[in-house]
Amino acid sequence: SIASVTLAGVTATLVSGNNSMVIVDATSGSPGQGHVIVTSNTGAFAIETGAWNYLAQGIITSFSPMAGQYGTSVAIAGTDILQGGSTFVVCTLAGYVAQITAQN
């Protein structure tokens, strides 16, 4: 069975794994590139050199307005907030999922 998986030196959370497929959730890591290492319970391991790249955390620089009610449009600006993606999928405001109506 799978004992551990590391992504760029950081232990990932194992979701499932077998002899041909491993699914993990990346945990918080420092920005940078590194190896993917899958280790079995026997100590055997497989490595893919330089295959994982942790991205720097995006930063929200401003949002407006700072309060509202259902239906209020909120503009959010930041740096690197797409984190390598091309579109936003989910946005939450005070723990509530907000409908994304526009992005650029």
C-alpha atoms as a PDB file:
ATOM      1  CA  SER A   1       0.000   0.000   0.000  1.00  0.00           C
ATOM      2  CA  ILE A   2       0.973   3.650  -0.324  1.00  0.00           C
ATOM      3  CA  ALA A   3       2.734   4.991   2.775  1.00  0.00           C
ATOM      4  CA  SER A   4       3.347   8.596   1.696  1.00  0.00           C
ATOM      5  CA  VAL A   5       3.563  11.060  -1.165  1.00  0.00           C
ATOM      6  CA  THR A   6       5.686  14.198  -1.168  1.00  0.00           C
ATOM      7  CA  LEU A   7       5.313  17.127  -3.551  1.00  0.00           C
ATOM      8  CA  ALA A   8       8.450  19.284  -3.713  1.00  0.00           C
ATOM      9  CA  GLY A   9       9.494  18.015  -0.276  1.00  0.00           C
ATOM     10  CA  VAL A  10       6.103  18.547   1.388  1.00  0.00           C
ATOM     11  CA  THR A  11       4.001  15.588   2.528  1.00  0.00           C
ATOM     12  CA  ALA A  12       0.677  15.515   0.691  1.00  0.00           C
ATOM     13  CA  THR A  13      -2.596  14.192   2.139  1.00  0.00           C
ATOM     14  CA  LEU A  14      -3.299  10.738   0.701  1.00  0.00           C
ATOM     15  CA  VAL A  15      -6.851  10.447  -0.664  1.00  0.00           C
ATOM     16  CA  SER A  16      -6.531   7.009  -2.287  1.00  0.00           C
ATOM     17  CA  GLY A  17      -3.918   4.862  -3.895  1.00  0.00           C
ATOM     18  CA  ASN A  18      -3.138   1.490  -5.411  1.00  0.00           C
ATOM     19  CA  ASN A  19      -0.428  -0.062  -7.572  1.00  0.00           C
ATOM     20  CA  SER A  20      -1.271   2.086 -10.609  1.00  0.00           C
ATOM     21  CA  MET A  21      -2.930   5.318  -9.373  1.00  0.00           C
ATOM     22  CA  VAL A  22      -2.442   7.644  -6.412  1.00  0.00           C
ATOM     23  CA  ILE A  23      -4.653  10.627  -5.567  1.00  0.00           C
ATOM     24  CA  VAL A  24      -3.453  13.214  -3.062  1.00  0.00           C
ATOM     25  CA  ASP A  25      -4.381  16.692  -1.882  1.00  0.00           C
ATOM     26  CA  ALA A  26      -1.472  19.127  -1.859  1.00  0.00           C
ATOM     27  CA  THR A  27      -0.847  20.706   1.520  1.00  0.00           C
ATOM     28  CA  SER A  28       0.648  24.165   2.036  1.00  0.00           C
ATOM     29  CA  GLY A  29       4.165  24.536   0.700  1.00  0.00           C
ATOM     30  CA  SER A  30       6.686  27.205  -0.187  1.00  0.00           C
ATOM     31  CA  PRO A  31       6.719  28.398  -3.795  1.00  0.00           C
ATOM     32  CA  GLY A  32       9.092  26.434  -5.988  1.00  0.00           C
ATOM     33  CA  GLN A  33       9.658  23.322  -8.043  1.00  0.00           C
ATOM     34  CA  GLY A  34      10.568  19.866  -6.763  1.00  0.00           C
ATOM     35  CA  HIS A  35      10.185  16.127  -7.044  1.00  0.00           C
ATOM     36  CA  VAL A  36       7.101  13.953  -6.694  1.00  0.00           C
ATOM     37  CA  ILE A  37       7.945  10.923  -4.546  1.00  0.00           C
ATOM     38  CA  VAL A  38       5.532   8.042  -3.871  1.00  0.00           C
ATOM     39  CA  THR A  39       6.663   5.679  -1.104  1.00  0.00           C
ATOM     40  CA  SER A  40       5.097   2.300  -0.369  1.00  0.00           C
ATOM     41  CA  ASN A  41       4.746   0.595   3.001  1.00  0.00           C
ATOM     42  CA  THR A  42       7.759  -1.595   2.082  1.00  0.00           C
ATOM     43  CA  GLY A  43       9.998   1.445   1.658  1.00  0.00           C
ATOM     44  CA  ALA A  44      10.126   1.163  -2.131  1.00  0.00           C
ATOM     45  CA  PHE A  45       9.585   4.459  -3.920  1.00  0.00           C
ATOM     46  CA  ALA A  46       8.953   6.008  -7.314  1.00  0.00           C
ATOM     47  CA  ILE A  47      10.209   9.482  -8.157  1.00  0.00           C
ATOM     48  CA  GLU A  48       9.471  11.999 -10.896  1.00  0.00           C
ATOM     49  CA  THR A  49      12.235  14.597 -10.847  1.00  0.00           C
ATOM     50  CA  GLY A  50      11.174  18.263 -10.824  1.00  0.00           C
ATOM     51  CA  ALA A  51       7.562  17.389 -11.651  1.00  0.00           C
ATOM     52  CA  TRP A  52       5.713  19.531  -9.077  1.00  0.00           C
ATOM     53  CA  ASN A  53       5.620  23.310  -8.853  1.00  0.00           C
ATOM     54  CA  TYR A  54       4.116  25.017  -5.811  1.00  0.00           C
ATOM     55  CA  LEU A  55       2.722  28.404  -6.855  1.00  0.00           C
ATOM     56  CA  ALA A  56       2.984  31.487  -4.674  1.00  0.00           C
ATOM     57  CA  GLN A  57      -0.255  32.251  -2.844  1.00  0.00           C
ATOM     58  CA  GLY A  58      -2.349  34.918  -4.543  1.00  0.00           C
ATOM     59  CA  ILE A  59      -2.979  38.189  -2.752  1.00  0.00           C
ATOM     60  CA  ILE A  60      -6.254  40.115  -2.668  1.00  0.00           C
ATOM     61  CA  THR A  61      -5.270  43.784  -2.779  1.00  0.00           C
ATOM     62  CA  SER A  62      -8.713  45.384  -2.661  1.00  0.00           C
ATOM     63  CA  PHE A  63     -12.444  44.746  -2.754  1.00  0.00           C
ATOM     64  CA  SER A  64     -15.413  47.057  -2.845  1.00  0.00           C
ATOM     65  CA  PRO A  65     -17.872  47.557  -1.269  1.00  0.00           C
ATOM     66  CA  MET A  66     -16.921  46.188   2.147  1.00  0.00           C
ATOM     67  CA  ALA A  67     -20.526  45.336   3.089  1.00  0.00           C
ATOM     68  CA  GLY A  68     -23.727  44.448   1.299  1.00  0.00           C
ATOM     69  CA  GLN A  69     -26.729  42.196   1.077  1.00  0.00           C
ATOM     70  CA  TYR A  70     -28.025  39.575  -1.327  1.00  0.00           C
ATOM     71  CA  GLY A  71     -27.516  40.815  -4.893  1.00  0.00           C
ATOM     72  CA  THR A  72     -24.726  43.290  -4.088  1.00  0.00           C
ATOM     73  CA  SER A  73     -21.984  43.285  -6.757  1.00  0.00           C
ATOM     74  CA  VAL A  74     -18.496  43.107  -5.255  1.00  0.00           C
ATOM     75  CA  ALA A  75     -15.305  43.950  -7.183  1.00  0.00           C
ATOM     76  CA  ILE A  76     -12.217  42.015  -6.057  1.00  0.00           C
ATOM     77  CA  ALA A  77      -8.688  42.861  -7.283  1.00  0.00           C
ATOM     78  CA  GLY A  78      -5.392  41.181  -6.550  1.00  0.00           C
ATOM     79  CA  THR A  79      -2.049  39.784  -7.597  1.00  0.00           C
ATOM     80  CA  ASP A  80      -1.662  36.223  -8.944  1.00  0.00           C
ATOM     81  CA  ILE A  81      -5.137  35.287  -7.735  1.00  0.00           C
ATOM     82  CA  LEU A  82      -5.794  32.867 -10.632  1.00  0.00           C
ATOM     83  CA  GLN A  83      -2.743  30.802  -9.593  1.00  0.00           C
ATOM     84  CA  GLY A  84      -2.053  29.432 -13.061  1.00  0.00           C
ATOM     85  CA  GLY A  85      -5.727  28.917 -13.876  1.00  0.00           C
ATOM     86  CA  SER A  86      -7.695  30.714 -16.552  1.00  0.00           C
ATOM     87  CA  THR A  87     -10.982  31.398 -14.720  1.00  0.00           C
ATOM     88  CA  PHE A  88     -12.420  31.549 -11.222  1.00  0.00           C
ATOM     89  CA  VAL A  89     -14.662  28.657 -10.263  1.00  0.00           C
ATOM     90  CA  VAL A  90     -15.761  29.560  -6.717  1.00  0.00           C
ATOM     91  CA  CYS A  91     -15.785  32.760  -4.691  1.00  0.00           C
ATOM     92  CA  THR A  92     -16.942  32.980  -1.084  1.00  0.00           C
ATOM     93  CA  LEU A  93     -17.812  36.113   0.866  1.00  0.00           C
ATOM     94  CA  ALA A  94     -18.015  35.711   4.661  1.00  0.00           C
ATOM     95  CA  GLY A  95     -18.342  31.943   4.155  1.00  0.00           C
ATOM     96  CA  TYR A  96     -21.169  32.148   1.600  1.00  0.00           C
ATOM     97  CA  VAL A  97     -20.709  31.107  -2.029  1.00  0.00           C
ATOM     98  CA  ALA A  98     -21.110  34.123  -4.309  1.00  0.00           C
ATOM     99  CA  GLN A  99     -22.195  33.977  -7.943  1.00  0.00           C
ATOM    100  CA  ILE A 100     -19.354  34.999 -10.262  1.00  0.00           C
ATOM    101  CA  THR A 101     -20.881  37.349 -12.826  1.00  0.00           C
ATOM    102  CA  ALA A 102     -17.759  38.711 -14.558  1.00  0.00           C
ATOM    103  CA  GLN A 103     -13.987  38.326 -14.517  1.00  0.00           C
ATOM    104  CA  ASN A 104     -11.067  39.707 -16.478  1.00  0.00           C
END
